[in-house]
N, C-alpha and C. Protein backbone atom coordinates (compact mmCIF):
# COMPACT_ATOMS: atom_id res chain seq x y z
N MET A 1 201.87 107.92 106.05
CA MET A 1 202.07 108.50 104.71
C MET A 1 201.08 109.63 104.48
N LEU A 2 201.51 110.72 103.82
CA LEU A 2 200.60 111.79 103.48
C LEU A 2 199.54 111.26 102.53
N ASP A 3 198.27 111.54 102.84
CA ASP A 3 197.17 111.05 102.02
C ASP A 3 196.76 112.12 101.03
N THR A 4 197.14 111.94 99.78
CA THR A 4 196.74 112.90 98.74
C THR A 4 195.77 112.25 97.75
N LYS A 5 195.22 111.10 98.10
CA LYS A 5 194.35 110.39 97.17
C LYS A 5 193.02 111.10 96.95
N GLN A 6 192.57 111.86 97.95
CA GLN A 6 191.26 112.49 97.86
C GLN A 6 191.31 113.91 97.32
N VAL A 7 192.47 114.33 96.85
CA VAL A 7 192.61 115.69 96.33
C VAL A 7 191.75 115.84 95.07
N ARG A 8 191.05 116.96 94.98
CA ARG A 8 190.21 117.19 93.82
C ARG A 8 191.04 117.33 92.55
N GLY A 9 190.49 116.87 91.48
CA GLY A 9 191.16 116.94 90.19
C GLY A 9 190.41 116.05 89.22
N GLY A 10 191.03 115.75 88.11
CA GLY A 10 190.40 114.86 87.14
C GLY A 10 190.66 113.41 87.51
N ASN A 11 190.45 112.53 86.54
CA ASN A 11 190.70 111.10 86.75
C ASN A 11 191.85 110.62 85.89
N GLY A 12 192.76 111.54 85.58
CA GLY A 12 193.85 111.21 84.67
C GLY A 12 194.81 110.17 85.17
N LEU A 13 194.86 109.95 86.49
CA LEU A 13 195.76 108.94 87.06
C LEU A 13 195.04 107.63 87.38
N ALA A 14 193.76 107.54 87.09
CA ALA A 14 192.97 106.38 87.51
C ALA A 14 193.59 105.06 87.05
N ALA A 15 194.09 105.04 85.83
CA ALA A 15 194.63 103.79 85.27
C ALA A 15 195.94 103.37 85.92
N ILE A 16 196.63 104.30 86.59
CA ILE A 16 197.93 103.99 87.18
C ILE A 16 197.97 104.28 88.68
N ASP A 17 196.81 104.50 89.28
CA ASP A 17 196.75 104.85 90.70
C ASP A 17 197.51 103.87 91.59
N ALA A 18 197.36 102.58 91.32
CA ALA A 18 197.97 101.58 92.20
C ALA A 18 199.49 101.71 92.20
N GLU A 19 200.10 101.87 91.02
CA GLU A 19 201.55 102.00 90.99
C GLU A 19 202.01 103.34 91.56
N VAL A 20 201.26 104.40 91.29
CA VAL A 20 201.60 105.70 91.85
C VAL A 20 201.64 105.62 93.37
N ASP A 21 200.62 105.02 93.97
CA ASP A 21 200.57 104.94 95.43
C ASP A 21 201.66 104.04 96.00
N GLU A 22 202.01 102.99 95.27
CA GLU A 22 203.10 102.11 95.73
C GLU A 22 204.42 102.85 95.71
N ILE A 23 204.67 103.64 94.67
CA ILE A 23 205.90 104.42 94.58
C ILE A 23 205.98 105.41 95.74
N LEU A 24 204.89 106.11 96.00
CA LEU A 24 204.89 107.12 97.06
C LEU A 24 205.11 106.49 98.43
N GLN A 25 204.45 105.38 98.68
CA GLN A 25 204.61 104.71 99.97
C GLN A 25 206.03 104.21 100.16
N SER A 26 206.60 103.61 99.13
CA SER A 26 207.94 103.03 99.26
C SER A 26 209.00 104.12 99.45
N VAL A 27 208.88 105.24 98.74
CA VAL A 27 209.90 106.28 98.86
C VAL A 27 209.81 106.98 100.20
N GLU A 28 208.59 107.13 100.72
CA GLU A 28 208.45 107.74 102.04
C GLU A 28 209.07 106.85 103.12
N GLU A 29 208.84 105.56 103.01
CA GLU A 29 209.37 104.63 104.01
C GLU A 29 210.89 104.57 103.98
N ILE A 30 211.46 104.50 102.79
CA ILE A 30 212.92 104.38 102.71
C ILE A 30 213.60 105.68 103.13
N THR A 31 212.95 106.82 102.89
CA THR A 31 213.52 108.08 103.36
C THR A 31 213.45 108.19 104.87
N ARG A 32 212.36 107.71 105.45
CA ARG A 32 212.25 107.71 106.91
C ARG A 32 213.38 106.87 107.52
N ASP A 33 213.64 105.69 106.95
CA ASP A 33 214.71 104.83 107.45
C ASP A 33 216.07 105.48 107.28
N ALA A 34 216.30 106.13 106.13
CA ALA A 34 217.59 106.77 105.87
C ALA A 34 217.83 107.93 106.84
N THR A 35 216.77 108.69 107.12
CA THR A 35 216.91 109.83 108.03
C THR A 35 217.16 109.35 109.46
N LYS A 36 216.45 108.33 109.87
CA LYS A 36 216.69 107.76 111.20
C LYS A 36 218.12 107.27 111.30
N SER A 37 218.61 106.62 110.25
CA SER A 37 219.98 106.14 110.24
C SER A 37 220.97 107.29 110.36
N PHE A 38 220.68 108.41 109.66
CA PHE A 38 221.56 109.57 109.76
C PHE A 38 221.66 110.07 111.20
N PHE A 39 220.52 110.24 111.85
CA PHE A 39 220.55 110.78 113.21
C PHE A 39 221.09 109.78 114.23
N ASP A 40 220.90 108.49 113.98
CA ASP A 40 221.53 107.49 114.85
C ASP A 40 223.05 107.61 114.76
N LYS A 41 223.56 107.77 113.55
CA LYS A 41 225.00 107.93 113.34
C LYS A 41 225.48 109.25 113.94
N TYR A 42 224.70 110.29 113.76
CA TYR A 42 225.05 111.61 114.30
C TYR A 42 225.14 111.56 115.83
N SER A 43 224.30 110.78 116.46
CA SER A 43 224.29 110.68 117.92
C SER A 43 225.58 110.06 118.47
N GLU A 44 226.24 109.26 117.66
CA GLU A 44 227.49 108.63 118.11
C GLU A 44 228.60 109.67 118.29
N ASN A 45 228.55 110.74 117.50
CA ASN A 45 229.56 111.79 117.60
C ASN A 45 228.95 113.09 117.07
N PRO A 46 228.11 113.75 117.88
CA PRO A 46 227.45 114.97 117.42
C PRO A 46 228.45 116.03 116.97
N ASN A 47 228.30 116.45 115.74
CA ASN A 47 229.22 117.41 115.14
C ASN A 47 228.39 118.36 114.29
N LYS A 48 228.37 119.62 114.67
CA LYS A 48 227.53 120.58 113.95
C LYS A 48 227.88 120.67 112.47
N ALA A 49 229.14 120.44 112.14
CA ALA A 49 229.55 120.51 110.73
C ALA A 49 228.86 119.42 109.92
N VAL A 50 228.66 118.25 110.54
CA VAL A 50 227.98 117.15 109.86
C VAL A 50 226.52 117.50 109.62
N LEU A 51 225.86 118.03 110.63
CA LEU A 51 224.46 118.41 110.48
C LEU A 51 224.32 119.55 109.47
N ALA A 52 225.26 120.49 109.49
CA ALA A 52 225.24 121.59 108.52
C ALA A 52 225.34 121.04 107.10
N SER A 53 226.23 120.07 106.89
CA SER A 53 226.39 119.47 105.56
C SER A 53 225.11 118.79 105.11
N TRP A 54 224.46 118.09 106.03
CA TRP A 54 223.19 117.42 105.74
C TRP A 54 222.12 118.44 105.35
N LEU A 55 222.07 119.53 106.08
CA LEU A 55 221.08 120.57 105.81
C LEU A 55 221.38 121.36 104.54
N GLU A 56 222.65 121.47 104.17
CA GLU A 56 223.00 122.20 102.95
C GLU A 56 222.32 121.59 101.73
N THR A 57 222.29 120.26 101.67
CA THR A 57 221.63 119.59 100.55
C THR A 57 220.14 119.83 100.59
N ARG A 58 219.54 119.77 101.81
CA ARG A 58 218.11 120.09 101.95
C ARG A 58 217.85 121.52 101.48
N CYS A 59 218.74 122.42 101.85
CA CYS A 59 218.59 123.83 101.52
C CYS A 59 218.62 124.03 100.00
N TRP A 60 219.54 123.35 99.33
CA TRP A 60 219.60 123.49 97.88
C TRP A 60 218.32 123.01 97.22
N ARG A 61 217.76 121.94 97.72
CA ARG A 61 216.53 121.44 97.12
C ARG A 61 215.46 122.52 97.09
N GLU A 62 215.39 123.31 98.14
CA GLU A 62 214.36 124.34 98.21
C GLU A 62 214.54 125.39 97.10
N ILE A 63 215.75 125.86 96.90
CA ILE A 63 215.93 126.90 95.88
C ILE A 63 215.85 126.31 94.47
N ASP A 64 216.26 125.06 94.31
CA ASP A 64 216.12 124.42 93.01
C ASP A 64 214.65 124.26 92.65
N TYR A 65 213.80 123.98 93.63
CA TYR A 65 212.36 123.94 93.39
C TYR A 65 211.84 125.30 92.92
N VAL A 66 212.38 126.37 93.48
CA VAL A 66 211.96 127.71 93.05
C VAL A 66 212.25 127.89 91.56
N PHE A 67 213.48 127.56 91.16
CA PHE A 67 213.84 127.68 89.75
C PHE A 67 212.94 126.80 88.88
N LEU A 68 212.73 125.56 89.35
CA LEU A 68 211.97 124.58 88.57
C LEU A 68 210.51 125.00 88.41
N LEU A 69 209.88 125.41 89.49
CA LEU A 69 208.47 125.79 89.43
C LEU A 69 208.27 127.01 88.55
N ASN A 70 209.17 127.98 88.65
CA ASN A 70 209.05 129.16 87.80
C ASN A 70 209.24 128.81 86.33
N GLU A 71 210.16 127.88 86.06
CA GLU A 71 210.37 127.44 84.68
C GLU A 71 209.17 126.63 84.18
N GLN A 72 208.58 125.83 85.07
CA GLN A 72 207.36 125.09 84.72
C GLN A 72 206.27 126.05 84.27
N ILE A 73 206.09 127.12 85.02
CA ILE A 73 205.08 128.12 84.66
C ILE A 73 205.44 128.81 83.34
N ARG A 74 206.72 129.17 83.18
CA ARG A 74 207.14 129.88 81.97
C ARG A 74 206.94 129.03 80.72
N ARG A 75 207.35 127.75 80.82
CA ARG A 75 207.27 126.89 79.63
C ARG A 75 205.86 126.39 79.35
N TYR A 76 205.19 125.96 80.40
CA TYR A 76 203.97 125.18 80.20
C TYR A 76 202.72 125.80 80.82
N GLY A 77 202.86 126.97 81.44
CA GLY A 77 201.75 127.53 82.19
C GLY A 77 200.48 127.75 81.39
N MET A 78 200.59 128.07 80.10
CA MET A 78 199.40 128.34 79.31
C MET A 78 198.62 127.07 78.98
N ARG A 79 199.18 125.90 79.33
CA ARG A 79 198.42 124.65 79.20
C ARG A 79 197.49 124.44 80.39
N PHE A 80 197.72 125.21 81.46
CA PHE A 80 197.03 124.98 82.73
C PHE A 80 195.95 126.03 82.98
N GLN A 81 195.02 125.67 83.84
CA GLN A 81 194.02 126.63 84.30
C GLN A 81 194.71 127.73 85.11
N ARG A 82 194.10 128.90 85.13
CA ARG A 82 194.71 130.03 85.83
C ARG A 82 194.93 129.73 87.31
N ASN A 83 193.99 129.02 87.93
CA ASN A 83 194.14 128.74 89.36
C ASN A 83 195.35 127.86 89.63
N HIS A 84 195.69 126.98 88.70
CA HIS A 84 196.86 126.12 88.91
C HIS A 84 198.15 126.91 88.72
N ILE A 85 198.16 127.88 87.83
CA ILE A 85 199.33 128.77 87.72
C ILE A 85 199.54 129.48 89.05
N THR A 86 198.45 129.98 89.62
CA THR A 86 198.54 130.68 90.90
C THR A 86 199.07 129.76 92.00
N LEU A 87 198.58 128.52 92.04
CA LEU A 87 199.00 127.59 93.09
C LEU A 87 200.46 127.17 92.92
N LEU A 88 200.91 126.99 91.69
CA LEU A 88 202.31 126.69 91.45
C LEU A 88 203.20 127.86 91.88
N ALA A 89 202.74 129.08 91.62
CA ALA A 89 203.49 130.26 92.05
C ALA A 89 203.52 130.36 93.57
N LYS A 90 202.42 130.00 94.22
CA LYS A 90 202.39 129.99 95.69
C LYS A 90 203.40 129.00 96.24
N GLN A 91 203.45 127.81 95.63
CA GLN A 91 204.44 126.83 96.09
C GLN A 91 205.86 127.36 95.90
N SER A 92 206.12 128.00 94.77
CA SER A 92 207.45 128.56 94.52
C SER A 92 207.83 129.55 95.62
N PHE A 93 206.90 130.40 96.01
CA PHE A 93 207.16 131.37 97.07
C PHE A 93 207.49 130.66 98.39
N GLN A 94 206.74 129.62 98.71
CA GLN A 94 207.00 128.89 99.95
C GLN A 94 208.35 128.20 99.92
N GLU A 95 208.74 127.68 98.75
CA GLU A 95 210.05 127.05 98.65
C GLU A 95 211.16 128.08 98.88
N ALA A 96 210.95 129.30 98.39
CA ALA A 96 211.94 130.36 98.63
C ALA A 96 212.02 130.68 100.12
N GLU A 97 210.89 130.66 100.80
CA GLU A 97 210.89 130.87 102.25
C GLU A 97 211.65 129.76 102.96
N HIS A 98 211.51 128.54 102.49
CA HIS A 98 212.23 127.41 103.09
C HIS A 98 213.74 127.57 102.90
N TYR A 99 214.13 128.01 101.70
CA TYR A 99 215.55 128.23 101.43
C TYR A 99 216.12 129.27 102.40
N GLU A 100 215.38 130.34 102.63
CA GLU A 100 215.82 131.38 103.55
C GLU A 100 215.92 130.84 104.98
N ALA A 101 214.90 130.12 105.42
CA ALA A 101 214.88 129.61 106.80
C ALA A 101 215.97 128.57 107.02
N LEU A 102 216.10 127.63 106.10
CA LEU A 102 217.14 126.61 106.24
C LEU A 102 218.53 127.22 106.10
N GLY A 103 218.64 128.26 105.28
CA GLY A 103 219.93 128.95 105.15
C GLY A 103 220.39 129.52 106.48
N LYS A 104 219.47 130.09 107.23
CA LYS A 104 219.82 130.61 108.56
C LYS A 104 220.26 129.50 109.49
N ALA A 105 219.58 128.34 109.40
CA ALA A 105 219.96 127.21 110.24
C ALA A 105 221.36 126.70 109.88
N VAL A 106 221.63 126.62 108.58
CA VAL A 106 222.96 126.18 108.12
C VAL A 106 224.04 127.11 108.65
N GLU A 107 223.82 128.41 108.54
CA GLU A 107 224.80 129.38 109.01
C GLU A 107 224.99 129.30 110.52
N SER A 108 223.91 129.04 111.25
CA SER A 108 224.03 128.96 112.71
C SER A 108 224.87 127.76 113.14
N LEU A 109 224.96 126.75 112.26
CA LEU A 109 225.75 125.56 112.55
C LEU A 109 227.18 125.67 112.00
N GLY A 110 227.50 126.81 111.41
CA GLY A 110 228.83 127.02 110.86
C GLY A 110 228.98 126.59 109.42
N GLY A 111 227.86 126.25 108.76
CA GLY A 111 227.92 125.84 107.37
C GLY A 111 227.79 127.00 106.41
N ILE A 112 227.82 126.71 105.14
CA ILE A 112 227.71 127.72 104.09
C ILE A 112 226.46 127.43 103.26
N VAL A 113 225.63 128.42 103.11
CA VAL A 113 224.41 128.25 102.33
C VAL A 113 224.78 128.04 100.87
N PRO A 114 224.31 126.97 100.24
CA PRO A 114 224.73 126.67 98.87
C PRO A 114 224.14 127.65 97.86
N THR A 115 224.98 128.04 96.92
CA THR A 115 224.55 128.86 95.79
C THR A 115 224.77 128.14 94.46
N SER A 116 225.21 126.90 94.55
CA SER A 116 225.29 126.00 93.40
C SER A 116 224.99 124.60 93.91
N VAL A 117 224.81 123.67 93.01
CA VAL A 117 224.33 122.34 93.41
C VAL A 117 225.38 121.62 94.24
N PRO A 118 225.07 121.25 95.50
CA PRO A 118 226.01 120.43 96.28
C PRO A 118 226.19 119.06 95.63
N VAL A 119 227.33 118.45 95.90
CA VAL A 119 227.65 117.16 95.27
C VAL A 119 226.55 116.14 95.50
N ALA A 120 226.03 116.08 96.73
CA ALA A 120 225.02 115.07 97.06
C ALA A 120 223.71 115.28 96.32
N ALA A 121 223.45 116.50 95.85
CA ALA A 121 222.18 116.81 95.19
C ALA A 121 222.26 116.76 93.67
N VAL A 122 223.44 116.50 93.12
CA VAL A 122 223.60 116.54 91.66
C VAL A 122 222.70 115.54 90.93
N PRO A 123 222.67 114.25 91.32
CA PRO A 123 221.79 113.31 90.59
C PRO A 123 220.33 113.72 90.67
N TRP A 124 219.91 114.16 91.87
CA TRP A 124 218.53 114.59 92.08
C TRP A 124 218.20 115.78 91.18
N SER A 125 219.04 116.81 91.21
CA SER A 125 218.79 118.01 90.42
C SER A 125 218.82 117.72 88.92
N ASN A 126 219.81 116.97 88.48
CA ASN A 126 219.91 116.64 87.06
C ASN A 126 218.67 115.93 86.56
N PHE A 127 218.17 114.99 87.37
CA PHE A 127 216.99 114.22 86.95
C PHE A 127 215.76 115.12 86.87
N LEU A 128 215.60 116.01 87.84
CA LEU A 128 214.46 116.94 87.80
C LEU A 128 214.45 117.74 86.50
N TRP A 129 215.60 118.29 86.16
CA TRP A 129 215.66 119.15 84.98
C TRP A 129 215.56 118.35 83.69
N GLU A 130 216.04 117.11 83.70
CA GLU A 130 215.84 116.24 82.55
C GLU A 130 214.35 115.99 82.33
N CYS A 131 213.63 115.78 83.44
CA CYS A 131 212.19 115.58 83.35
C CYS A 131 211.50 116.82 82.78
N MET A 132 211.94 117.99 83.19
CA MET A 132 211.36 119.22 82.67
C MET A 132 211.46 119.28 81.15
N ASP A 133 212.57 118.82 80.62
CA ASP A 133 212.80 118.87 79.17
C ASP A 133 212.00 117.81 78.41
N ARG A 134 211.61 116.73 79.10
CA ARG A 134 210.98 115.61 78.40
C ARG A 134 209.49 115.80 78.15
N HIS A 135 208.79 116.36 79.14
CA HIS A 135 207.32 116.33 79.07
C HIS A 135 206.76 117.37 80.02
N HIS A 136 205.61 117.94 79.68
CA HIS A 136 205.06 119.04 80.48
C HIS A 136 204.58 118.61 81.87
N LEU A 137 204.42 117.30 82.11
CA LEU A 137 204.00 116.82 83.44
C LEU A 137 205.10 116.07 84.16
N ALA A 138 206.22 115.81 83.49
CA ALA A 138 207.24 114.94 84.07
C ALA A 138 207.92 115.56 85.28
N ALA A 139 208.26 116.84 85.22
CA ALA A 139 208.91 117.48 86.37
C ALA A 139 207.98 117.53 87.56
N ILE A 140 206.69 117.76 87.31
CA ILE A 140 205.72 117.76 88.41
C ILE A 140 205.65 116.39 89.04
N ALA A 141 205.64 115.34 88.22
CA ALA A 141 205.61 113.97 88.75
C ALA A 141 206.86 113.68 89.58
N ALA A 142 208.01 114.15 89.11
CA ALA A 142 209.26 113.91 89.83
C ALA A 142 209.28 114.64 91.17
N TRP A 143 208.87 115.92 91.18
CA TRP A 143 208.91 116.63 92.47
C TRP A 143 207.80 116.17 93.40
N TYR A 144 206.73 115.63 92.86
CA TYR A 144 205.68 115.04 93.71
C TYR A 144 206.27 113.88 94.51
N VAL A 145 207.04 113.04 93.85
CA VAL A 145 207.71 111.93 94.55
C VAL A 145 208.76 112.47 95.51
N SER A 146 209.53 113.45 95.08
CA SER A 146 210.58 114.00 95.93
C SER A 146 210.00 114.64 97.19
N GLU A 147 208.91 115.41 97.03
CA GLU A 147 208.27 116.04 98.18
C GLU A 147 207.68 114.99 99.12
N THR A 148 207.11 113.93 98.56
CA THR A 148 206.59 112.85 99.39
C THR A 148 207.73 112.16 100.13
N SER A 149 208.85 111.97 99.43
CA SER A 149 210.04 111.40 100.05
C SER A 149 210.47 112.25 101.24
N ALA A 150 210.55 113.55 101.04
CA ALA A 150 210.98 114.45 102.11
C ALA A 150 210.06 114.37 103.32
N SER A 151 208.77 114.12 103.08
CA SER A 151 207.84 114.03 104.19
C SER A 151 208.18 112.86 105.12
N GLY A 152 208.83 111.83 104.56
CA GLY A 152 209.26 110.72 105.39
C GLY A 152 210.38 111.07 106.34
N SER A 153 211.06 112.19 106.08
CA SER A 153 212.18 112.60 106.93
C SER A 153 211.75 113.42 108.13
N PHE A 154 210.51 113.89 108.14
CA PHE A 154 210.12 114.86 109.17
C PHE A 154 210.20 114.30 110.58
N GLU A 155 209.51 113.20 110.84
CA GLU A 155 209.44 112.70 112.22
C GLU A 155 210.82 112.34 112.78
N PRO A 156 211.66 111.58 112.04
CA PRO A 156 213.00 111.32 112.58
C PRO A 156 213.86 112.58 112.71
N THR A 157 213.60 113.60 111.89
CA THR A 157 214.31 114.87 112.03
C THR A 157 213.88 115.57 113.31
N PHE A 158 212.59 115.60 113.58
CA PHE A 158 212.10 116.21 114.83
C PHE A 158 212.75 115.54 116.04
N VAL A 159 212.73 114.21 116.04
CA VAL A 159 213.27 113.45 117.18
C VAL A 159 214.77 113.66 117.30
N GLY A 160 215.50 113.51 116.19
CA GLY A 160 216.95 113.60 116.22
C GLY A 160 217.46 114.99 116.54
N ALA A 161 216.86 116.01 115.94
CA ALA A 161 217.29 117.38 116.20
C ALA A 161 216.95 117.81 117.62
N GLU A 162 215.79 117.42 118.10
CA GLU A 162 215.39 117.75 119.47
C GLU A 162 216.32 117.10 120.47
N ARG A 163 216.73 115.88 120.20
CA ARG A 163 217.62 115.15 121.11
C ARG A 163 218.91 115.91 121.37
N HIS A 164 219.37 116.65 120.36
CA HIS A 164 220.64 117.35 120.48
C HIS A 164 220.47 118.86 120.65
N GLY A 165 219.26 119.29 120.96
CA GLY A 165 219.03 120.68 121.28
C GLY A 165 218.95 121.63 120.10
N HIS A 166 218.77 121.09 118.91
CA HIS A 166 218.68 121.94 117.71
C HIS A 166 217.23 122.37 117.51
N THR A 167 216.73 123.18 118.43
CA THR A 167 215.32 123.54 118.41
C THR A 167 214.96 124.41 117.21
N ASP A 168 215.92 125.17 116.69
CA ASP A 168 215.64 126.00 115.52
C ASP A 168 215.37 125.12 114.29
N VAL A 169 216.10 124.01 114.18
CA VAL A 169 215.89 123.08 113.07
C VAL A 169 214.50 122.45 113.19
N VAL A 170 214.12 122.07 114.40
CA VAL A 170 212.79 121.49 114.62
C VAL A 170 211.70 122.48 114.22
N LYS A 171 211.85 123.71 114.65
CA LYS A 171 210.85 124.74 114.35
C LYS A 171 210.70 124.95 112.85
N ILE A 172 211.82 125.02 112.15
CA ILE A 172 211.79 125.22 110.71
C ILE A 172 211.09 124.06 110.01
N TYR A 173 211.43 122.84 110.41
CA TYR A 173 210.84 121.68 109.75
C TYR A 173 209.38 121.49 110.11
N LYS A 174 208.95 121.97 111.26
CA LYS A 174 207.52 121.93 111.59
C LYS A 174 206.73 122.77 110.59
N GLN A 175 207.27 123.94 110.23
CA GLN A 175 206.60 124.78 109.24
C GLN A 175 206.68 124.15 107.86
N ILE A 176 207.83 123.60 107.51
CA ILE A 176 207.96 122.95 106.21
C ILE A 176 206.98 121.80 106.08
N GLU A 177 206.80 121.04 107.16
CA GLU A 177 205.85 119.92 107.14
C GLU A 177 204.45 120.40 106.77
N ILE A 178 204.03 121.53 107.33
CA ILE A 178 202.71 122.08 107.01
C ILE A 178 202.62 122.41 105.53
N ASP A 179 203.64 123.07 105.01
CA ASP A 179 203.64 123.47 103.60
C ASP A 179 203.67 122.27 102.67
N GLU A 180 204.38 121.21 103.07
CA GLU A 180 204.49 120.03 102.20
C GLU A 180 203.14 119.38 101.94
N LYS A 181 202.22 119.47 102.88
CA LYS A 181 200.89 118.89 102.65
C LYS A 181 200.21 119.59 101.48
N PHE A 182 200.40 120.89 101.39
CA PHE A 182 199.88 121.63 100.24
C PHE A 182 200.61 121.24 98.96
N HIS A 183 201.94 121.12 99.02
CA HIS A 183 202.73 120.83 97.83
C HIS A 183 202.39 119.46 97.24
N THR A 184 202.32 118.45 98.11
CA THR A 184 202.02 117.11 97.60
C THR A 184 200.59 117.03 97.08
N GLY A 185 199.67 117.71 97.76
CA GLY A 185 198.30 117.74 97.27
C GLY A 185 198.19 118.40 95.92
N LEU A 186 198.95 119.48 95.71
CA LEU A 186 198.95 120.16 94.42
C LEU A 186 199.53 119.27 93.34
N GLY A 187 200.61 118.56 93.65
CA GLY A 187 201.19 117.65 92.66
C GLY A 187 200.18 116.63 92.18
N ARG A 188 199.45 116.03 93.13
CA ARG A 188 198.45 115.03 92.76
C ARG A 188 197.33 115.67 91.92
N GLN A 189 196.91 116.85 92.33
CA GLN A 189 195.81 117.52 91.63
C GLN A 189 196.19 117.85 90.19
N VAL A 190 197.39 118.39 89.99
CA VAL A 190 197.80 118.77 88.64
C VAL A 190 197.94 117.54 87.75
N LEU A 191 198.57 116.50 88.27
CA LEU A 191 198.74 115.29 87.46
C LEU A 191 197.39 114.66 87.13
N SER A 192 196.50 114.61 88.10
CA SER A 192 195.18 114.02 87.87
C SER A 192 194.36 114.83 86.86
N THR A 193 194.57 116.13 86.86
CA THR A 193 193.79 117.00 85.98
C THR A 193 194.27 116.96 84.54
N TYR A 194 195.60 116.90 84.33
CA TYR A 194 196.14 117.12 82.99
C TYR A 194 196.68 115.87 82.30
N ALA A 195 196.76 114.75 83.01
CA ALA A 195 197.16 113.51 82.34
C ALA A 195 195.99 113.03 81.47
N GLU A 196 196.19 112.98 80.18
CA GLU A 196 195.09 112.69 79.26
C GLU A 196 195.33 111.44 78.42
N THR A 197 196.57 111.13 78.12
CA THR A 197 196.87 110.03 77.20
C THR A 197 197.74 108.98 77.88
N ASP A 198 197.84 107.83 77.25
CA ASP A 198 198.73 106.80 77.77
C ASP A 198 200.18 107.27 77.76
N GLU A 199 200.54 108.08 76.76
CA GLU A 199 201.90 108.63 76.73
C GLU A 199 202.14 109.54 77.93
N ASP A 200 201.16 110.37 78.26
CA ASP A 200 201.28 111.21 79.46
C ASP A 200 201.52 110.36 80.69
N ARG A 201 200.74 109.32 80.85
CA ARG A 201 200.84 108.48 82.04
C ARG A 201 202.16 107.72 82.09
N GLU A 202 202.67 107.31 80.93
CA GLU A 202 203.96 106.62 80.91
C GLU A 202 205.09 107.58 81.29
N GLU A 203 205.02 108.81 80.82
CA GLU A 203 206.03 109.80 81.21
C GLU A 203 205.95 110.11 82.70
N ILE A 204 204.75 110.17 83.24
CA ILE A 204 204.58 110.39 84.67
C ILE A 204 205.21 109.25 85.46
N LEU A 205 204.94 108.02 85.06
CA LEU A 205 205.50 106.87 85.77
C LEU A 205 207.01 106.81 85.63
N ARG A 206 207.52 107.12 84.45
CA ARG A 206 208.97 107.14 84.26
C ARG A 206 209.62 108.12 85.24
N ALA A 207 209.04 109.32 85.34
CA ALA A 207 209.59 110.33 86.23
C ALA A 207 209.48 109.90 87.69
N MET A 208 208.36 109.31 88.05
CA MET A 208 208.15 108.90 89.44
C MET A 208 209.08 107.74 89.83
N ARG A 209 209.23 106.77 88.94
CA ARG A 209 210.14 105.66 89.23
C ARG A 209 211.58 106.15 89.38
N GLY A 210 211.98 107.03 88.47
CA GLY A 210 213.35 107.54 88.53
C GLY A 210 213.62 108.32 89.79
N MET A 211 212.69 109.18 90.19
CA MET A 211 212.89 109.96 91.40
C MET A 211 212.83 109.08 92.64
N ARG A 212 212.00 108.05 92.63
CA ARG A 212 211.97 107.11 93.75
C ARG A 212 213.36 106.53 94.01
N ASP A 213 214.10 106.29 92.96
CA ASP A 213 215.42 105.65 93.10
C ASP A 213 216.51 106.64 93.50
N ILE A 214 216.21 107.93 93.48
CA ILE A 214 217.21 108.97 93.75
C ILE A 214 216.93 109.74 95.03
N ALA A 215 215.67 110.09 95.26
CA ALA A 215 215.31 111.13 96.23
C ALA A 215 215.82 110.89 97.64
N TRP A 216 215.79 109.66 98.09
CA TRP A 216 216.11 109.36 99.49
C TRP A 216 217.61 109.30 99.77
N LYS A 217 218.43 109.20 98.74
CA LYS A 217 219.82 108.82 98.97
C LYS A 217 220.63 109.87 99.72
N SER A 218 220.34 111.14 99.50
CA SER A 218 221.15 112.17 100.17
C SER A 218 220.81 112.30 101.65
N PHE A 219 219.83 111.56 102.14
CA PHE A 219 219.49 111.58 103.56
C PHE A 219 220.37 110.62 104.38
N THR A 220 221.16 109.81 103.72
CA THR A 220 221.91 108.78 104.44
C THR A 220 223.21 109.32 105.02
N PRO A 221 223.68 108.73 106.14
CA PRO A 221 224.97 109.17 106.71
C PRO A 221 226.14 108.93 105.78
N GLU A 222 226.06 107.88 104.96
CA GLU A 222 227.16 107.56 104.05
C GLU A 222 227.35 108.66 103.00
N VAL A 223 226.24 109.17 102.47
CA VAL A 223 226.32 110.21 101.45
C VAL A 223 226.86 111.50 102.07
N VAL A 224 226.42 111.82 103.28
CA VAL A 224 226.93 113.03 103.94
C VAL A 224 228.44 112.91 104.18
N ALA A 225 228.87 111.74 104.65
CA ALA A 225 230.30 111.54 104.90
C ALA A 225 231.11 111.67 103.60
N ALA A 226 230.60 111.07 102.53
CA ALA A 226 231.31 111.14 101.25
C ALA A 226 231.36 112.57 100.72
N THR A 227 230.28 113.29 100.92
CA THR A 227 230.22 114.68 100.45
C THR A 227 231.22 115.54 101.22
N MET A 228 231.32 115.33 102.51
CA MET A 228 232.23 116.12 103.32
C MET A 228 233.68 115.85 102.96
N ARG A 229 233.97 114.59 102.60
CA ARG A 229 235.33 114.25 102.16
C ARG A 229 235.66 114.93 100.85
N ALA A 230 234.62 115.08 99.98
CA ALA A 230 234.85 115.68 98.67
C ALA A 230 234.97 117.19 98.73
N ALA A 231 234.47 117.76 99.81
CA ALA A 231 234.45 119.21 99.92
C ALA A 231 235.85 119.79 100.07
């Protein structure tokens, strides 16, 4: 599991640290299992269209993060220190780079780069934006869980993609893995710094619990198959 416990910040999460860490650990583990299951199923009948469909949802997540982070800054940025505005903007730029890189991978597999929310990503995207509307820290808490969830997919993605010669996918995700360490660390830092009240902490936990129940689902072979049938 990515260790973000030692990230500098305030002590705003101290009262809920145990539950926060349990949520992060559980979502990373279940995403790792779901991703392994996807590639095990893919190995039975390797089909580039299936992998493209799986990556299309990943690709959308990257551009949705760009929209979300920019809106976070627009709505709530003046509540934050200047350095945190800069770091959120840096993350937004990296997410845009991921969208571009994954888009090329999708196209190389014969897929179409999404310009609207894919079916498999609708619950995830809707929940993120609902969190944005509820509280100034809720969307950050939700994407912190989502980014941690995605980190659980890296190792089985490296193994599964390499097995079938998709070296471009491996290369892209190696870079994304590096960036995710910064993203998850920033999420922990911002929440720890700006959570001040019990209401803040309850909204953070609500967002984290909700995203834990959603984030991993689009990594499963069943969701990919259902999405392809709906297309």
